[in-house]
Amino acid sequence: MRTRLAILLFAAVVALPSAAPVVAQTRTLNLYNGRHYDVDQVLYDEFTRHTGVRVNLIQGDADQLIERIRAEGPNSPADVLITVDAGRLYRAQQLGLCQPVSSEVLNRRIPAHLRDPQGHWFGFTKRLRVIAYSRARVSRAALSTYEDLANPKWRGKVLVRSSSHVYNQSLVGAMIAWHGENFVQRWARGVVANFARPPQGGDIDQLRAIAVGEGDVAIVNHYYYLRLLNSANPADRAVAEQVGLFFPNQGVEDRGVHVNLSGACVVAASRNRDAAVAFLEFLASDRAQEVFAKGNFEFPAVRGITNPMAAVAPATLKEDTLNARVYAANGARALQLMVAAGWR
């Protein structure tokens, strides 16, 4: 009873940064962590300070962590899986690794399109997949939508990472939901015809390729650009200064920029469900949302949180509110269509 009381009290004060610590516990929360950002440790330490629940961090590649939980089965010590991209959370759910959570706090604070409809997982940050472009060689007026990247005017100018990466699968999965497979198949062939080079590297590599003139436009997650812009390395900042960010699909009748997420689920085998749910509720607190936004340049999931990323986005930014589960479920088919089009 003492442990549960501490967690319930914590849920009532978690949004208040000045709240006094609640009754201490001795439990340990095993967090399988596919996020690799030093700033997150600040949040884990604060959770322990408020609840007395120690966070035991098991770091690893997200896909490997999912496989590890699957292999461990009902004896898995994992309580929470936290990772990036809805596609990975959906995969964990499909493998039966996430248990549904009914939380008034999470349902109230996390917008419906950023969580699984049955409560198997919740998104805590937003990651916008945008178009980066050369300030020197591309007029901003020439940019419009993801769909337009298949236009022959971009022949030999498009940069992007491999189709095997989940970020691209989620984006194309959203396009399947909006346009259907036949359209996406034609679109993917058009984009492949416009490649400046075979897909390679990560999103930062695409930004650097723009800076050295290997291509003119790239599909990237927004925060990679901001990392370069705010880097202590002058060479990184020099790259960012040559690149602009464009938020596509902002037309009056359009759907808005693609929104992915990083998020978490309570593992099905968890022996510390109360602590695990309290941890997820903590990630939705004002304090945690601010740390996420400032620490890795991600957009907060919770409405009303001061967003330091607003300086790089349109004042009237339109975001696609397609439920993340929908595009995540389309990810496997998206990969097939991209590969068939020659997008390796």
Protein backbone atom coordinates (compact mmCIF):
# COMPACT_ATOMS: atom_id res chain seq x y z
CA MET A 1 0.00 0.00 0.00
CA ARG A 2 2.87 2.38 0.79
CA THR A 3 4.35 1.91 -2.68
CA ARG A 4 1.05 2.47 -4.50
CA LEU A 5 0.25 5.51 -2.34
CA ALA A 6 3.58 7.08 -3.23
CA ILE A 7 2.91 6.63 -6.93
CA LEU A 8 -0.65 7.97 -6.71
CA LEU A 9 0.57 11.01 -4.79
CA PHE A 10 3.27 11.52 -7.38
CA ALA A 11 0.69 11.58 -10.17
CA ALA A 12 -1.02 14.49 -8.42
CA VAL A 13 2.11 16.64 -8.12
CA VAL A 14 4.23 15.64 -11.08
CA ALA A 15 3.32 18.71 -13.15
CA LEU A 16 4.52 21.01 -10.38
CA PRO A 17 8.33 21.53 -10.58
CA SER A 18 8.48 22.81 -7.00
CA ALA A 19 6.53 19.96 -5.42
CA ALA A 20 8.14 18.23 -2.46
CA PRO A 21 9.25 14.62 -2.88
CA VAL A 22 6.56 12.06 -2.12
CA VAL A 23 6.83 8.99 0.09
CA ALA A 24 9.92 7.03 -0.90
CA GLN A 25 9.84 3.56 -2.38
CA THR A 26 12.41 0.85 -2.80
CA ARG A 27 11.25 -0.41 -6.17
CA THR A 28 13.38 -0.43 -9.28
CA LEU A 29 11.94 0.38 -12.69
CA ASN A 30 13.72 -1.45 -15.51
CA LEU A 31 13.73 0.90 -18.48
CA TYR A 32 14.71 -0.59 -21.85
CA ASN A 33 15.86 2.55 -23.59
CA GLY A 34 16.15 3.01 -27.34
CA ARG A 35 16.63 6.79 -27.02
CA HIS A 36 20.26 7.85 -26.79
CA TYR A 37 20.23 11.41 -25.50
CA ASP A 38 22.19 12.40 -22.40
CA VAL A 39 19.58 14.97 -21.38
CA ASP A 40 17.02 12.19 -20.76
CA GLN A 41 18.99 11.12 -17.69
CA VAL A 42 17.93 14.38 -16.03
CA LEU A 43 14.33 13.20 -16.24
CA TYR A 44 15.08 9.74 -14.90
CA ASP A 45 16.89 11.24 -11.92
CA GLU A 46 13.98 13.59 -11.21
CA PHE A 47 11.51 10.71 -11.35
CA THR A 48 13.58 8.87 -8.74
CA ARG A 49 13.81 11.98 -6.58
CA HIS A 50 10.04 12.43 -6.56
CA THR A 51 9.02 8.78 -6.13
CA GLY A 52 11.95 6.88 -4.68
CA VAL A 53 11.70 4.49 -7.63
CA ARG A 54 15.17 3.89 -9.03
CA VAL A 55 15.40 3.79 -12.81
CA ASN A 56 17.64 0.95 -13.99
CA LEU A 57 18.63 1.91 -17.52
CA ILE A 58 19.19 -0.82 -20.11
CA GLN A 59 20.48 0.95 -23.21
CA GLY A 60 20.50 -0.54 -26.67
CA ASP A 61 19.49 -0.38 -30.29
CA ALA A 62 15.69 -0.15 -30.38
CA ASP A 63 15.16 -3.15 -32.66
CA GLN A 64 17.54 -5.25 -30.58
CA LEU A 65 15.74 -4.26 -27.38
CA ILE A 66 12.41 -5.29 -28.87
CA GLU A 67 13.88 -8.63 -29.87
CA ARG A 68 15.40 -9.03 -26.41
CA ILE A 69 12.03 -8.47 -24.71
CA ARG A 70 10.42 -10.94 -27.11
CA ALA A 71 13.11 -13.55 -26.38
CA GLU A 72 12.81 -13.02 -22.62
CA GLY A 73 9.07 -13.68 -22.84
CA PRO A 74 6.97 -13.61 -19.65
CA ASN A 75 10.18 -13.64 -17.59
CA SER A 76 11.40 -10.35 -19.04
CA PRO A 77 12.48 -7.92 -16.31
CA ALA A 78 11.53 -4.98 -18.57
CA ASP A 79 8.93 -2.56 -17.20
CA VAL A 80 8.99 0.17 -19.84
CA LEU A 81 10.22 0.31 -23.42
CA ILE A 82 11.03 3.78 -24.70
CA THR A 83 12.09 4.31 -28.29
CA VAL A 84 11.81 6.49 -31.37
CA ASP A 85 9.32 6.18 -34.22
CA ALA A 86 5.78 4.89 -34.01
CA GLY A 87 6.75 2.06 -36.34
CA ARG A 88 8.88 0.44 -33.66
CA LEU A 89 6.23 0.84 -30.97
CA TYR A 90 3.66 -0.68 -33.31
CA ARG A 91 5.98 -3.63 -33.96
CA ALA A 92 6.40 -4.18 -30.23
CA GLN A 93 2.63 -4.05 -29.83
CA GLN A 94 2.08 -6.57 -32.64
CA LEU A 95 4.51 -8.92 -30.93
CA GLY A 96 2.42 -8.73 -27.77
CA LEU A 97 5.10 -6.87 -25.83
CA CYS A 98 3.02 -3.85 -24.74
CA GLN A 99 0.10 -3.94 -22.33
CA PRO A 100 -2.82 -1.51 -22.62
CA VAL A 101 -2.88 1.37 -20.16
CA SER A 102 -5.95 3.33 -19.13
CA SER A 103 -4.73 6.63 -17.71
CA GLU A 104 -6.80 9.80 -17.42
CA VAL A 105 -3.57 11.80 -17.25
CA LEU A 106 -2.16 10.34 -20.47
CA ASN A 107 -5.46 10.48 -22.35
CA ARG A 108 -5.93 14.12 -21.36
CA ARG A 109 -2.41 15.34 -22.07
CA ILE A 110 -1.29 13.30 -25.09
CA PRO A 111 -3.26 14.15 -28.27
CA ALA A 112 -5.21 11.21 -29.68
CA HIS A 113 -3.20 10.99 -32.91
CA LEU A 114 0.04 10.54 -30.93
CA ARG A 115 -1.06 7.43 -29.05
CA ASP A 116 -2.38 3.99 -29.78
CA PRO A 117 -6.20 4.04 -29.66
CA GLN A 118 -6.20 1.10 -27.22
CA GLY A 119 -3.51 2.64 -24.99
CA HIS A 120 -0.71 0.22 -25.83
CA TRP A 121 1.78 3.08 -26.33
CA PHE A 122 2.01 6.86 -26.09
CA GLY A 123 4.07 9.48 -27.89
CA PHE A 124 5.94 12.03 -25.78
CA THR A 125 7.75 14.09 -28.41
CA LYS A 126 6.99 15.06 -31.99
CA ARG A 127 9.50 14.62 -34.81
CA LEU A 128 8.66 16.41 -38.02
CA ARG A 129 9.94 14.95 -41.28
CA VAL A 130 10.68 17.99 -43.39
CA ILE A 131 12.44 19.06 -46.57
CA ALA A 132 15.91 20.57 -46.28
CA TYR A 133 17.20 22.63 -49.18
CA SER A 134 20.23 24.54 -50.40
CA ARG A 135 19.83 28.23 -49.68
CA ALA A 136 22.18 29.02 -52.57
CA ARG A 137 20.65 26.81 -55.27
CA VAL A 138 16.97 26.44 -54.42
CA SER A 139 14.29 29.10 -54.27
CA ARG A 140 12.00 28.52 -51.31
CA ALA A 141 9.10 29.32 -53.62
CA ALA A 142 9.94 26.19 -55.65
CA LEU A 143 9.12 23.94 -52.67
CA SER A 144 5.64 22.76 -51.80
CA THR A 145 4.86 19.13 -50.87
CA TYR A 146 6.35 15.67 -50.42
CA GLU A 147 4.43 14.68 -53.52
CA ASP A 148 6.25 17.32 -55.58
CA LEU A 149 9.61 15.62 -54.96
CA ALA A 150 8.66 13.22 -57.76
CA ASN A 151 8.45 16.17 -60.18
CA PRO A 152 11.11 15.93 -62.94
CA LYS A 153 12.24 19.45 -62.02
CA TRP A 154 14.15 17.79 -59.16
CA ARG A 155 16.00 15.34 -61.43
CA GLY A 156 19.43 14.59 -59.95
CA LYS A 157 18.77 16.75 -56.87
CA VAL A 158 17.01 14.62 -54.21
CA LEU A 159 18.91 13.19 -51.22
CA VAL A 160 17.48 10.70 -48.74
CA ARG A 161 18.50 7.80 -46.54
CA SER A 162 17.67 4.15 -47.25
CA SER A 163 14.13 2.81 -47.56
CA SER A 164 15.07 0.30 -44.86
CA HIS A 165 14.98 3.03 -42.22
CA VAL A 166 11.77 3.28 -40.24
CA TYR A 167 11.61 7.09 -40.60
CA ASN A 168 11.04 6.75 -44.33
CA GLN A 169 8.69 3.80 -43.90
CA SER A 170 6.48 5.85 -41.58
CA LEU A 171 6.40 8.83 -43.95
CA VAL A 172 5.50 6.64 -46.91
CA GLY A 173 3.05 4.72 -44.72
CA ALA A 174 1.23 8.01 -44.13
CA MET A 175 1.20 8.70 -47.87
CA ILE A 176 -0.39 5.27 -48.45
CA ALA A 177 -3.14 6.23 -46.00
CA TRP A 178 -3.76 9.51 -47.80
CA HIS A 179 -3.33 8.49 -51.45
CA GLY A 180 -3.43 4.70 -51.78
CA GLU A 181 -0.80 2.26 -52.97
CA ASN A 182 -1.05 2.94 -56.69
CA PHE A 183 -0.25 6.62 -56.23
CA VAL A 184 2.59 5.88 -53.83
CA GLN A 185 4.11 3.35 -56.23
CA ARG A 186 4.19 5.98 -58.99
CA TRP A 187 5.47 8.62 -56.58
CA ALA A 188 8.30 6.40 -55.33
CA ARG A 189 9.43 5.72 -58.89
CA GLY A 190 9.48 9.46 -59.55
CA VAL A 191 11.53 10.17 -56.44
CA VAL A 192 14.02 7.42 -57.32
CA ALA A 193 14.40 8.94 -60.80
CA ASN A 194 15.31 12.23 -59.07
CA PHE A 195 17.97 10.81 -56.72
CA ALA A 196 21.21 12.77 -56.66
CA ARG A 197 22.99 9.61 -55.45
CA PRO A 198 22.03 6.19 -54.11
CA PRO A 199 20.50 6.45 -50.62
CA GLN A 200 23.18 6.33 -47.94
CA GLY A 201 23.96 7.52 -44.43
CA GLY A 202 21.69 9.20 -41.93
CA ASP A 203 19.82 12.48 -41.98
CA ILE A 204 22.86 14.56 -41.00
CA ASP A 205 24.72 13.03 -43.94
CA GLN A 206 22.00 14.35 -46.25
CA LEU A 207 22.42 17.85 -44.82
CA ARG A 208 26.17 17.71 -45.31
CA ALA A 209 25.66 16.48 -48.87
CA ILE A 210 23.54 19.56 -49.59
CA ALA A 211 26.30 21.80 -48.21
CA VAL A 212 28.95 20.32 -50.53
CA GLY A 213 26.67 20.37 -53.57
CA GLU A 214 25.91 16.66 -53.99
CA GLY A 215 22.20 17.42 -54.06
CA ASP A 216 19.80 20.29 -53.53
CA VAL A 217 16.92 18.94 -51.45
CA ALA A 218 16.65 16.22 -48.80
CA ILE A 219 14.05 14.52 -46.63
CA VAL A 220 15.17 14.75 -42.99
CA ASN A 221 13.87 14.93 -39.43
CA HIS A 222 13.86 18.55 -38.31
CA TYR A 223 16.05 18.21 -35.22
CA TYR A 224 19.13 17.02 -37.12
CA TYR A 225 19.36 20.45 -38.72
CA LEU A 226 19.00 22.12 -35.32
CA ARG A 227 21.75 19.98 -33.84
CA LEU A 228 24.13 21.26 -36.51
CA LEU A 229 22.93 24.84 -36.12
CA ASN A 230 23.54 24.75 -32.36
CA SER A 231 26.72 22.66 -32.44
CA ALA A 232 29.93 23.75 -30.73
CA ASN A 233 31.75 22.67 -33.88
CA PRO A 234 32.13 25.56 -36.36
CA ALA A 235 32.12 23.10 -39.28
CA ASP A 236 28.66 21.85 -38.25
CA ARG A 237 27.32 25.38 -37.98
CA ALA A 238 28.77 26.18 -41.40
CA VAL A 239 26.76 23.30 -42.87
CA ALA A 240 23.55 24.52 -41.21
CA GLU A 241 24.08 28.05 -42.49
CA GLN A 242 23.97 26.77 -46.06
CA VAL A 243 20.75 24.82 -45.52
CA GLY A 244 17.15 25.90 -45.02
CA LEU A 245 14.22 23.95 -43.59
CA PHE A 246 10.89 23.77 -45.35
CA PHE A 247 7.71 22.40 -43.76
CA PRO A 248 5.76 20.80 -46.63
CA ASN A 249 2.05 20.35 -47.32
CA GLN A 250 0.97 23.60 -45.66
CA GLY A 251 -1.72 24.53 -48.20
CA VAL A 252 -5.21 25.45 -47.06
CA GLU A 253 -6.64 22.14 -48.25
CA ASP A 254 -3.53 20.09 -47.50
CA ARG A 255 -2.92 17.71 -44.61
CA GLY A 256 0.19 19.28 -43.04
CA VAL A 257 3.73 18.16 -42.36
CA HIS A 258 4.28 14.51 -41.41
CA VAL A 259 4.53 14.07 -37.63
CA ASN A 260 6.33 11.10 -36.12
CA LEU A 261 7.13 10.60 -32.46
CA SER A 262 9.25 9.09 -29.77
CA GLY A 263 7.27 7.25 -27.16
CA ALA A 264 6.95 4.44 -24.68
CA CYS A 265 4.87 1.50 -23.58
CA VAL A 266 4.43 -0.50 -20.40
CA VAL A 267 5.88 -3.92 -21.15
CA ALA A 268 3.40 -6.78 -20.94
CA ALA A 269 5.63 -8.72 -18.54
CA SER A 270 6.15 -5.78 -16.15
CA ARG A 271 6.02 -6.64 -12.47
CA ASN A 272 5.91 -2.94 -11.56
CA ARG A 273 2.87 -1.75 -13.47
CA ASP A 274 1.96 1.08 -11.09
CA ALA A 275 5.47 2.52 -11.21
CA ALA A 276 5.61 2.05 -14.98
CA VAL A 277 2.33 3.93 -15.53
CA ALA A 278 3.48 6.68 -13.17
CA PHE A 279 6.69 6.96 -15.20
CA LEU A 280 4.74 7.40 -18.44
CA GLU A 281 2.57 10.03 -16.76
CA PHE A 282 5.74 11.80 -15.63
CA LEU A 283 6.96 11.92 -19.24
CA ALA A 284 3.75 13.81 -20.05
CA SER A 285 4.35 16.39 -17.29
CA ASP A 286 5.17 20.00 -18.11
CA ARG A 287 8.69 19.57 -16.76
CA ALA A 288 9.50 16.48 -18.84
CA GLN A 289 8.02 18.00 -21.97
CA GLU A 290 10.19 21.09 -21.60
CA VAL A 291 13.33 19.00 -21.08
CA PHE A 292 12.58 16.91 -24.18
CA ALA A 293 12.02 20.02 -26.29
CA LYS A 294 15.13 21.86 -25.13
CA GLY A 295 17.43 18.87 -24.88
CA ASN A 296 17.05 17.35 -28.35
CA PHE A 297 15.18 20.05 -30.26
CA GLU A 298 12.04 17.92 -30.43
CA PHE A 299 8.55 19.39 -30.44
CA PRO A 300 6.62 18.71 -27.22
CA ALA A 301 3.66 16.35 -27.57
CA VAL A 302 1.59 18.16 -24.94
CA ARG A 303 -0.22 21.28 -26.06
CA GLY A 304 0.60 24.56 -24.36
CA ILE A 305 4.25 23.78 -23.57
CA THR A 306 6.74 26.48 -24.51
CA ASN A 307 8.28 25.29 -27.76
CA PRO A 308 11.82 26.51 -28.48
CA MET A 309 11.45 25.05 -31.99
CA ALA A 310 8.82 27.64 -32.90
CA ALA A 311 11.57 29.92 -34.23
CA VAL A 312 12.25 27.58 -37.17
CA ALA A 313 8.64 26.69 -37.99
CA PRO A 314 5.84 28.73 -39.58
CA ALA A 315 3.69 30.61 -37.08
CA THR A 316 0.65 28.78 -38.42
CA LEU A 317 2.32 25.38 -38.80
CA LYS A 318 -0.12 22.72 -39.95
CA GLU A 319 0.63 19.19 -38.74
CA ASP A 320 -0.78 15.96 -40.14
CA THR A 321 -3.03 14.50 -37.45
CA LEU A 322 -3.28 11.04 -38.99
CA ASN A 323 -3.11 8.61 -36.08
CA ALA A 324 0.43 7.29 -35.71
CA ARG A 325 -0.83 3.71 -35.53
CA VAL A 326 -2.24 4.03 -39.06
CA TYR A 327 1.01 4.95 -40.75
CA ALA A 328 2.98 2.59 -38.54
CA ALA A 329 0.74 -0.29 -39.64
CA ASN A 330 1.47 0.65 -43.26
CA GLY A 331 5.23 0.58 -42.76
CA ALA A 332 5.87 -2.93 -44.09
CA ARG A 333 3.89 -2.27 -47.25
CA ALA A 334 5.62 1.10 -47.65
CA LEU A 335 8.99 -0.66 -47.63
CA GLN A 336 7.83 -3.09 -50.30
CA LEU A 337 6.67 -0.28 -52.56
CA MET A 338 9.89 1.70 -52.10
CA VAL A 339 12.08 -1.32 -52.84
CA ALA A 340 9.99 -2.20 -55.92
CA ALA A 341 10.58 1.34 -57.17
CA GLY A 342 14.35 0.97 -56.79
CA TRP A 343 14.65 2.85 -53.50
CA ARG A 344 17.27 0.77 -51.74
